[in-house]
PDB file of N, CA and C in Angstrom:
ATOM      1  N   UNK A   1     -66.154  30.480  22.675  1.00  0.00           N
ATOM      2  CA  UNK A   1     -65.156  31.238  21.965  1.00  0.00           C
ATOM      3  C   UNK A   1     -65.770  32.479  21.312  1.00  0.00           C
ATOM      4  N   UNK A   2     -67.083  32.484  21.058  1.00  0.00           N
ATOM      5  CA  UNK A   2     -67.715  33.608  20.377  1.00  0.00           C
ATOM      6  C   UNK A   2     -68.086  34.750  21.312  1.00  0.00           C
ATOM      7  N   UNK A   3     -67.989  34.542  22.599  1.00  0.00           N
ATOM      8  CA  UNK A   3     -68.302  35.625  23.545  1.00  0.00           C
ATOM      9  C   UNK A   3     -67.229  36.706  23.424  1.00  0.00           C
ATOM     10  N   UNK A   4     -67.619  37.986  23.416  1.00  0.00           N
ATOM     11  CA  UNK A   4     -66.642  39.057  23.225  1.00  0.00           C
ATOM     12  C   UNK A   4     -65.582  39.177  24.321  1.00  0.00           C
ATOM     13  N   UNK A   5     -65.809  38.617  25.491  1.00  0.00           N
ATOM     14  CA  UNK A   5     -64.837  38.709  26.579  1.00  0.00           C
ATOM     15  C   UNK A   5     -63.812  37.580  26.555  1.00  0.00           C
ATOM     16  N   UNK A   6     -64.034  36.564  25.736  1.00  0.00           N
ATOM     17  CA  UNK A   6     -63.186  35.371  25.746  1.00  0.00           C
ATOM     18  C   UNK A   6     -62.056  35.487  24.724  1.00  0.00           C
ATOM     19  N   UNK A   7     -60.821  35.337  25.206  1.00  0.00           N
ATOM     20  CA  UNK A   7     -59.651  35.330  24.324  1.00  0.00           C
ATOM     21  C   UNK A   7     -59.461  33.944  23.727  1.00  0.00           C
ATOM     22  N   UNK A   8     -59.478  32.936  24.579  1.00  0.00           N
ATOM     23  CA  UNK A   8     -59.373  31.546  24.131  1.00  0.00           C
ATOM     24  C   UNK A   8     -59.984  30.631  25.185  1.00  0.00           C
ATOM     25  N   UNK A   9     -60.289  29.419  24.775  1.00  0.00           N
ATOM     26  CA  UNK A   9     -60.942  28.477  25.683  1.00  0.00           C
ATOM     27  C   UNK A   9     -60.538  27.054  25.329  1.00  0.00           C
ATOM     28  N   UNK A  10     -60.495  26.217  26.340  1.00  0.00           N
ATOM     29  CA  UNK A  10     -60.281  24.784  26.161  1.00  0.00           C
ATOM     30  C   UNK A  10     -61.401  24.058  26.884  1.00  0.00           C
ATOM     31  N   UNK A  11     -62.052  23.136  26.202  1.00  0.00           N
ATOM     32  CA  UNK A  11     -63.191  22.420  26.784  1.00  0.00           C
ATOM     33  C   UNK A  11     -62.883  20.929  26.792  1.00  0.00           C
ATOM     34  N   UNK A  12     -63.129  20.312  27.944  1.00  0.00           N
ATOM     35  CA  UNK A  12     -62.866  18.879  28.106  1.00  0.00           C
ATOM     36  C   UNK A  12     -63.982  18.234  28.913  1.00  0.00           C
ATOM     37  N   UNK A  13     -63.998  16.930  28.908  1.00  0.00           N
ATOM     38  CA  UNK A  13     -64.889  16.186  29.781  1.00  0.00           C
ATOM     39  C   UNK A  13     -64.207  15.964  31.120  1.00  0.00           C
ATOM     40  N   UNK A  14     -64.948  16.193  32.195  1.00  0.00           N
ATOM     41  CA  UNK A  14     -64.415  15.983  33.546  1.00  0.00           C
ATOM     42  C   UNK A  14     -65.197  14.842  34.189  1.00  0.00           C
ATOM     43  N   UNK A  15     -64.516  13.878  34.790  1.00  0.00           N
ATOM     44  CA  UNK A  15     -65.227  12.784  35.459  1.00  0.00           C
ATOM     45  C   UNK A  15     -66.199  13.314  36.517  1.00  0.00           C
ATOM     46  N   UNK A  16     -67.380  12.714  36.556  1.00  0.00           N
ATOM     47  CA  UNK A  16     -68.416  13.131  37.510  1.00  0.00           C
ATOM     48  C   UNK A  16     -69.131  11.883  38.017  1.00  0.00           C
ATOM     49  N   UNK A  17     -69.236  11.728  39.336  1.00  0.00           N
ATOM     50  CA  UNK A  17     -69.857  10.514  39.870  1.00  0.00           C
ATOM     51  C   UNK A  17     -71.342  10.373  39.517  1.00  0.00           C
ATOM     52  N   UNK A  18     -72.055  11.483  39.348  1.00  0.00           N
ATOM     53  CA  UNK A  18     -73.488  11.435  39.058  1.00  0.00           C
ATOM     54  C   UNK A  18     -73.770  11.252  37.570  1.00  0.00           C
ATOM     55  N   UNK A  19     -73.084  12.005  36.731  1.00  0.00           N
ATOM     56  CA  UNK A  19     -73.372  11.998  35.295  1.00  0.00           C
ATOM     57  C   UNK A  19     -72.324  11.261  34.463  1.00  0.00           C
ATOM     58  N   UNK A  20     -71.371  10.630  35.081  1.00  0.00           N
ATOM     59  CA  UNK A  20     -70.228   9.966  34.437  1.00  0.00           C
ATOM     60  C   UNK A  20     -69.209  10.992  33.977  1.00  0.00           C
ATOM     61  N   UNK A  21     -69.658  12.032  33.251  1.00  0.00           N
ATOM     62  CA  UNK A  21     -68.752  13.068  32.776  1.00  0.00           C
ATOM     63  C   UNK A  21     -69.536  14.362  32.563  1.00  0.00           C
ATOM     64  N   UNK A  22     -68.906  15.498  32.893  1.00  0.00           N
ATOM     65  CA  UNK A  22     -69.527  16.799  32.662  1.00  0.00           C
ATOM     66  C   UNK A  22     -68.617  17.622  31.749  1.00  0.00           C
ATOM     67  N   UNK A  23     -69.196  18.667  31.172  1.00  0.00           N
ATOM     68  CA  UNK A  23     -68.425  19.578  30.329  1.00  0.00           C
ATOM     69  C   UNK A  23     -67.744  20.605  31.230  1.00  0.00           C
ATOM     70  N   UNK A  24     -66.421  20.723  31.077  1.00  0.00           N
ATOM     71  CA  UNK A  24     -65.622  21.665  31.874  1.00  0.00           C
ATOM     72  C   UNK A  24     -64.884  22.576  30.899  1.00  0.00           C
ATOM     73  N   UNK A  25     -64.947  23.885  31.145  1.00  0.00           N
ATOM     74  CA  UNK A  25     -64.264  24.849  30.277  1.00  0.00           C
ATOM     75  C   UNK A  25     -63.201  25.601  31.067  1.00  0.00           C
ATOM     76  N   UNK A  26     -62.048  25.746  30.443  1.00  0.00           N
ATOM     77  CA  UNK A  26     -60.976  26.590  30.965  1.00  0.00           C
ATOM     78  C   UNK A  26     -60.923  27.811  30.058  1.00  0.00           C
ATOM     79  N   UNK A  27     -61.135  28.989  30.639  1.00  0.00           N
ATOM     80  CA  UNK A  27     -61.309  30.203  29.852  1.00  0.00           C
ATOM     81  C   UNK A  27     -60.223  31.225  30.160  1.00  0.00           C
ATOM     82  N   UNK A  28     -59.650  31.787  29.102  1.00  0.00           N
ATOM     83  CA  UNK A  28     -58.741  32.922  29.218  1.00  0.00           C
ATOM     84  C   UNK A  28     -59.537  34.142  28.767  1.00  0.00           C
ATOM     85  N   UNK A  29     -59.681  35.107  29.661  1.00  0.00           N
ATOM     86  CA  UNK A  29     -60.454  36.311  29.372  1.00  0.00           C
ATOM     87  C   UNK A  29     -59.532  37.374  28.775  1.00  0.00           C
ATOM     88  N   UNK A  30     -60.090  38.160  27.857  1.00  0.00           N
ATOM     89  CA  UNK A  30     -59.319  39.246  27.249  1.00  0.00           C
ATOM     90  C   UNK A  30     -58.909  40.253  28.316  1.00  0.00           C
ATOM     91  N   UNK A  31     -57.774  40.924  28.121  1.00  0.00           N
ATOM     92  CA  UNK A  31     -57.312  41.910  29.105  1.00  0.00           C
ATOM     93  C   UNK A  31     -58.330  43.029  29.320  1.00  0.00           C
ATOM     94  N   UNK A  32     -58.450  43.427  30.575  1.00  0.00           N
ATOM     95  CA  UNK A  32     -59.313  44.540  30.978  1.00  0.00           C
ATOM     96  C   UNK A  32     -60.792  44.317  30.674  1.00  0.00           C
ATOM     97  N   UNK A  33     -61.205  43.054  30.605  1.00  0.00           N
ATOM     98  CA  UNK A  33     -62.610  42.699  30.397  1.00  0.00           C
ATOM     99  C   UNK A  33     -63.000  41.750  31.522  1.00  0.00           C
ATOM    100  N   UNK A  34     -64.234  41.861  31.972  1.00  0.00           N
ATOM    101  CA  UNK A  34     -64.686  40.927  33.005  1.00  0.00           C
ATOM    102  C   UNK A  34     -65.950  40.221  32.533  1.00  0.00           C
ATOM    103  N   UNK A  35     -66.088  38.998  32.982  1.00  0.00           N
ATOM    104  CA  UNK A  35     -67.249  38.184  32.651  1.00  0.00           C
ATOM    105  C   UNK A  35     -67.422  37.169  33.767  1.00  0.00           C
ATOM    106  N   UNK A  36     -68.657  36.766  34.010  1.00  0.00           N
ATOM    107  CA  UNK A  36     -68.920  35.781  35.063  1.00  0.00           C
ATOM    108  C   UNK A  36     -69.173  34.406  34.454  1.00  0.00           C
ATOM    109  N   UNK A  37     -69.066  33.413  35.310  1.00  0.00           N
ATOM    110  CA  UNK A  37     -69.351  32.041  34.896  1.00  0.00           C
ATOM    111  C   UNK A  37     -70.781  31.931  34.375  1.00  0.00           C
ATOM    112  N   UNK A  38     -71.728  32.567  35.059  1.00  0.00           N
ATOM    113  CA  UNK A  38     -73.132  32.511  34.662  1.00  0.00           C
ATOM    114  C   UNK A  38     -73.360  33.160  33.293  1.00  0.00           C
ATOM    115  N   UNK A  39     -72.676  34.273  33.013  1.00  0.00           N
ATOM    116  CA  UNK A  39     -72.809  34.923  31.708  1.00  0.00           C
ATOM    117  C   UNK A  39     -72.351  34.000  30.586  1.00  0.00           C
ATOM    118  N   UNK A  40     -71.222  33.346  30.791  1.00  0.00           N
ATOM    119  CA  UNK A  40     -70.710  32.434  29.769  1.00  0.00           C
ATOM    120  C   UNK A  40     -71.624  31.224  29.591  1.00  0.00           C
ATOM    121  N   UNK A  41     -72.138  30.688  30.684  1.00  0.00           N
ATOM    122  CA  UNK A  41     -73.044  29.547  30.589  1.00  0.00           C
ATOM    123  C   UNK A  41     -74.308  29.931  29.817  1.00  0.00           C
ATOM    124  N   UNK A  42     -74.863  31.102  30.090  1.00  0.00           N
ATOM    125  CA  UNK A  42     -76.050  31.570  29.370  1.00  0.00           C
ATOM    126  C   UNK A  42     -75.757  31.761  27.888  1.00  0.00           C
ATOM    127  N   UNK A  43     -74.591  32.315  27.591  1.00  0.00           N
ATOM    128  CA  UNK A  43     -74.176  32.527  26.204  1.00  0.00           C
ATOM    129  C   UNK A  43     -74.139  31.197  25.449  1.00  0.00           C
ATOM    130  N   UNK A  44     -73.582  30.176  26.068  1.00  0.00           N
ATOM    131  CA  UNK A  44     -73.493  28.863  25.425  1.00  0.00           C
ATOM    132  C   UNK A  44     -74.872  28.224  25.308  1.00  0.00           C
ATOM    133  N   UNK A  45     -75.686  28.327  26.352  1.00  0.00           N
ATOM    134  CA  UNK A  45     -77.027  27.729  26.325  1.00  0.00           C
ATOM    135  C   UNK A  45     -77.875  28.306  25.198  1.00  0.00           C
ATOM    136  N   UNK A  46     -77.676  29.586  24.873  1.00  0.00           N
ATOM    137  CA  UNK A  46     -78.434  30.223  23.797  1.00  0.00           C
ATOM    138  C   UNK A  46     -78.021  29.715  22.421  1.00  0.00           C
ATOM    139  N   UNK A  47     -76.828  29.123  22.313  1.00  0.00           N
ATOM    140  CA  UNK A  47     -76.291  28.733  21.015  1.00  0.00           C
ATOM    141  C   UNK A  47     -76.172  27.228  20.785  1.00  0.00           C
ATOM    142  N   UNK A  48     -76.123  26.455  21.861  1.00  0.00           N
ATOM    143  CA  UNK A  48     -75.965  25.006  21.736  1.00  0.00           C
ATOM    144  C   UNK A  48     -77.105  24.281  22.446  1.00  0.00           C
ATOM    145  N   UNK A  49     -77.115  22.979  22.345  1.00  0.00           N
ATOM    146  CA  UNK A  49     -78.113  22.171  23.044  1.00  0.00           C
ATOM    147  C   UNK A  49     -77.995  22.390  24.550  1.00  0.00           C
ATOM    148  N   UNK A  50     -79.106  22.297  25.239  1.00  0.00           N
ATOM    149  CA  UNK A  50     -79.172  22.570  26.670  1.00  0.00           C
ATOM    150  C   UNK A  50     -78.148  21.766  27.473  1.00  0.00           C
ATOM    151  N   UNK A  51     -77.918  20.525  27.108  1.00  0.00           N
ATOM    152  CA  UNK A  51     -76.999  19.673  27.854  1.00  0.00           C
ATOM    153  C   UNK A  51     -75.529  19.950  27.530  1.00  0.00           C
ATOM    154  N   UNK A  52     -75.251  20.749  26.502  1.00  0.00           N
ATOM    155  CA  UNK A  52     -73.875  20.968  26.045  1.00  0.00           C
ATOM    156  C   UNK A  52     -73.131  22.088  26.764  1.00  0.00           C
ATOM    157  N   UNK A  53     -73.817  22.840  27.599  1.00  0.00           N
ATOM    158  CA  UNK A  53     -73.138  23.973  28.243  1.00  0.00           C
ATOM    159  C   UNK A  53     -72.152  23.479  29.297  1.00  0.00           C
ATOM    160  N   UNK A  54     -71.095  24.258  29.543  1.00  0.00           N
ATOM    161  CA  UNK A  54     -70.119  23.833  30.556  1.00  0.00           C
ATOM    162  C   UNK A  54     -70.697  23.972  31.962  1.00  0.00           C
ATOM    163  N   UNK A  55     -70.760  22.884  32.677  1.00  0.00           N
ATOM    164  CA  UNK A  55     -71.278  22.919  34.054  1.00  0.00           C
ATOM    165  C   UNK A  55     -70.263  23.549  34.999  1.00  0.00           C
ATOM    166  N   UNK A  56     -68.985  23.497  34.613  1.00  0.00           N
ATOM    167  CA  UNK A  56     -67.930  24.141  35.399  1.00  0.00           C
ATOM    168  C   UNK A  56     -67.073  24.985  34.473  1.00  0.00           C
ATOM    169  N   UNK A  57     -66.724  26.178  34.950  1.00  0.00           N
ATOM    170  CA  UNK A  57     -65.827  27.066  34.212  1.00  0.00           C
ATOM    171  C   UNK A  57     -64.732  27.519  35.166  1.00  0.00           C
ATOM    172  N   UNK A  58     -63.498  27.396  34.733  1.00  0.00           N
ATOM    173  CA  UNK A  58     -62.358  27.884  35.505  1.00  0.00           C
ATOM    174  C   UNK A  58     -61.656  28.941  34.664  1.00  0.00           C
ATOM    175  N   UNK A  59     -61.451  30.110  35.258  1.00  0.00           N
ATOM    176  CA  UNK A  59     -60.740  31.179  34.570  1.00  0.00           C
ATOM    177  C   UNK A  59     -59.248  31.007  34.830  1.00  0.00           C
ATOM    178  N   UNK A  60     -58.457  31.005  33.757  1.00  0.00           N
ATOM    179  CA  UNK A  60     -57.016  30.807  33.855  1.00  0.00           C
ATOM    180  C   UNK A  60     -56.295  31.928  33.113  1.00  0.00           C
ATOM    181  N   UNK A  61     -55.016  32.104  33.452  1.00  0.00           N
ATOM    182  CA  UNK A  61     -54.184  33.119  32.791  1.00  0.00           C
ATOM    183  C   UNK A  61     -53.767  32.679  31.396  1.00  0.00           C
ATOM    184  N   UNK A  62     -53.504  31.377  31.228  1.00  0.00           N
ATOM    185  CA  UNK A  62     -53.064  30.840  29.944  1.00  0.00           C
ATOM    186  C   UNK A  62     -53.425  29.362  29.864  1.00  0.00           C
ATOM    187  N   UNK A  63     -53.525  28.872  28.651  1.00  0.00           N
ATOM    188  CA  UNK A  63     -53.798  27.466  28.417  1.00  0.00           C
ATOM    189  C   UNK A  63     -52.540  26.792  27.878  1.00  0.00           C
ATOM    190  N   UNK A  64     -52.390  25.493  28.127  1.00  0.00           N
ATOM    191  CA  UNK A  64     -51.251  24.786  27.533  1.00  0.00           C
ATOM    192  C   UNK A  64     -51.458  24.699  26.016  1.00  0.00           C
ATOM    193  N   UNK A  65     -50.462  25.166  25.259  1.00  0.00           N
ATOM    194  CA  UNK A  65     -50.595  25.229  23.803  1.00  0.00           C
ATOM    195  C   UNK A  65     -49.442  24.495  23.122  1.00  0.00           C
ATOM    196  N   UNK A  66     -49.711  23.981  21.925  1.00  0.00           N
ATOM    197  CA  UNK A  66     -48.661  23.387  21.101  1.00  0.00           C
ATOM    198  C   UNK A  66     -47.924  24.528  20.396  1.00  0.00           C
ATOM    199  N   UNK A  67     -46.833  24.196  19.732  1.00  0.00           N
ATOM    200  CA  UNK A  67     -46.080  25.215  19.000  1.00  0.00           C
ATOM    201  C   UNK A  67     -46.885  25.785  17.834  1.00  0.00           C
ATOM    202  N   UNK A  68     -47.895  25.057  17.366  1.00  0.00           N
ATOM    203  CA  UNK A  68     -48.735  25.546  16.273  1.00  0.00           C
ATOM    204  C   UNK A  68     -49.953  26.318  16.774  1.00  0.00           C
ATOM    205  N   UNK A  69     -50.057  26.496  18.102  1.00  0.00           N
ATOM    206  CA  UNK A  69     -51.129  27.317  18.664  1.00  0.00           C
ATOM    207  C   UNK A  69     -52.416  26.598  18.998  1.00  0.00           C
ATOM    208  N   UNK A  70     -52.383  25.285  19.075  1.00  0.00           N
ATOM    209  CA  UNK A  70     -53.575  24.527  19.451  1.00  0.00           C
ATOM    210  C   UNK A  70     -53.530  24.204  20.941  1.00  0.00           C
ATOM    211  N   UNK A  71     -54.707  24.195  21.563  1.00  0.00           N
ATOM    212  CA  UNK A  71     -54.809  23.860  22.981  1.00  0.00           C
ATOM    213  C   UNK A  71     -54.490  22.385  23.176  1.00  0.00           C
ATOM    214  N   UNK A  72     -53.671  22.086  24.170  1.00  0.00           N
ATOM    215  CA  UNK A  72     -53.333  20.693  24.492  1.00  0.00           C
ATOM    216  C   UNK A  72     -54.411  20.165  25.442  1.00  0.00           C
ATOM    217  N   UNK A  73     -55.443  19.594  24.849  1.00  0.00           N
ATOM    218  CA  UNK A  73     -56.596  19.132  25.622  1.00  0.00           C
ATOM    219  C   UNK A  73     -56.240  18.001  26.579  1.00  0.00           C
ATOM    220  N   UNK A  74     -55.251  17.188  26.212  1.00  0.00           N
ATOM    221  CA  UNK A  74     -54.815  16.080  27.066  1.00  0.00           C
ATOM    222  C   UNK A  74     -54.380  16.609  28.432  1.00  0.00           C
ATOM    223  N   UNK A  75     -53.649  17.725  28.453  1.00  0.00           N
ATOM    224  CA  UNK A  75     -53.212  18.321  29.724  1.00  0.00           C
ATOM    225  C   UNK A  75     -54.401  18.889  30.503  1.00  0.00           C
ATOM    226  N   UNK A  76     -55.353  19.498  29.801  1.00  0.00           N
ATOM    227  CA  UNK A  76     -56.532  20.032  30.481  1.00  0.00           C
ATOM    228  C   UNK A  76     -57.375  18.902  31.072  1.00  0.00           C
ATOM    229  N   UNK A  77     -57.504  17.808  30.327  1.00  0.00           N
ATOM    230  CA  UNK A  77     -58.280  16.673  30.823  1.00  0.00           C
ATOM    231  C   UNK A  77     -57.636  16.083  32.068  1.00  0.00           C
ATOM    232  N   UNK A  78     -56.309  16.012  32.094  1.00  0.00           N
ATOM    233  CA  UNK A  78     -55.602  15.515  33.277  1.00  0.00           C
ATOM    234  C   UNK A  78     -55.800  16.468  34.451  1.00  0.00           C
ATOM    235  N   UNK A  79     -55.783  17.761  34.194  1.00  0.00           N
ATOM    236  CA  UNK A  79     -56.006  18.759  35.247  1.00  0.00           C
ATOM    237  C   UNK A  79     -57.422  18.630  35.794  1.00  0.00           C
ATOM    238  N   UNK A  80     -58.406  18.463  34.906  1.00  0.00           N
ATOM    239  CA  UNK A  80     -59.800  18.323  35.336  1.00  0.00           C
ATOM    240  C   UNK A  80     -59.982  17.063  36.176  1.00  0.00           C
ATOM    241  N   UNK A  81     -59.361  15.963  35.758  1.00  0.00           N
ATOM    242  CA  UNK A  81     -59.484  14.703  36.501  1.00  0.00           C
ATOM    243  C   UNK A  81     -58.859  14.835  37.882  1.00  0.00           C
ATOM    244  N   UNK A  82     -57.792  15.615  38.006  1.00  0.00           N
ATOM    245  CA  UNK A  82     -57.116  15.816  39.285  1.00  0.00           C
ATOM    246  C   UNK A  82     -57.856  16.718  40.242  1.00  0.00           C
ATOM    247  N   UNK A  83     -58.832  17.474  39.734  1.00  0.00           N
ATOM    248  CA  UNK A  83     -59.606  18.380  40.588  1.00  0.00           C
ATOM    249  C   UNK A  83     -60.613  17.640  41.442  1.00  0.00           C
ATOM    250  N   UNK A  84     -60.875  16.396  41.116  1.00  0.00           N
ATOM    251  CA  UNK A  84     -61.761  15.602  41.942  1.00  0.00           C
ATOM    252  C   UNK A  84     -63.134  15.737  41.612  1.00  0.00           C
TER     253      UNK A  84
END
């Protein structure tokens, strides 16, 4: 969320056969800004523990939100589980 190109983000655990679960991020990028998956992963690695970075990042237009403006992580987790 602290990267200058990121408007909002939702992070969930995604089932993984090797590691049981991996960190998956769904990112909404600010208009007219570009950023790569590798840039975001490096940004997170510099600020959090090495194992905490998102192994997968999906760029989306919008995230499912509640009326109070919170990300509905339950929907993101279901989407991640459905990706296989």
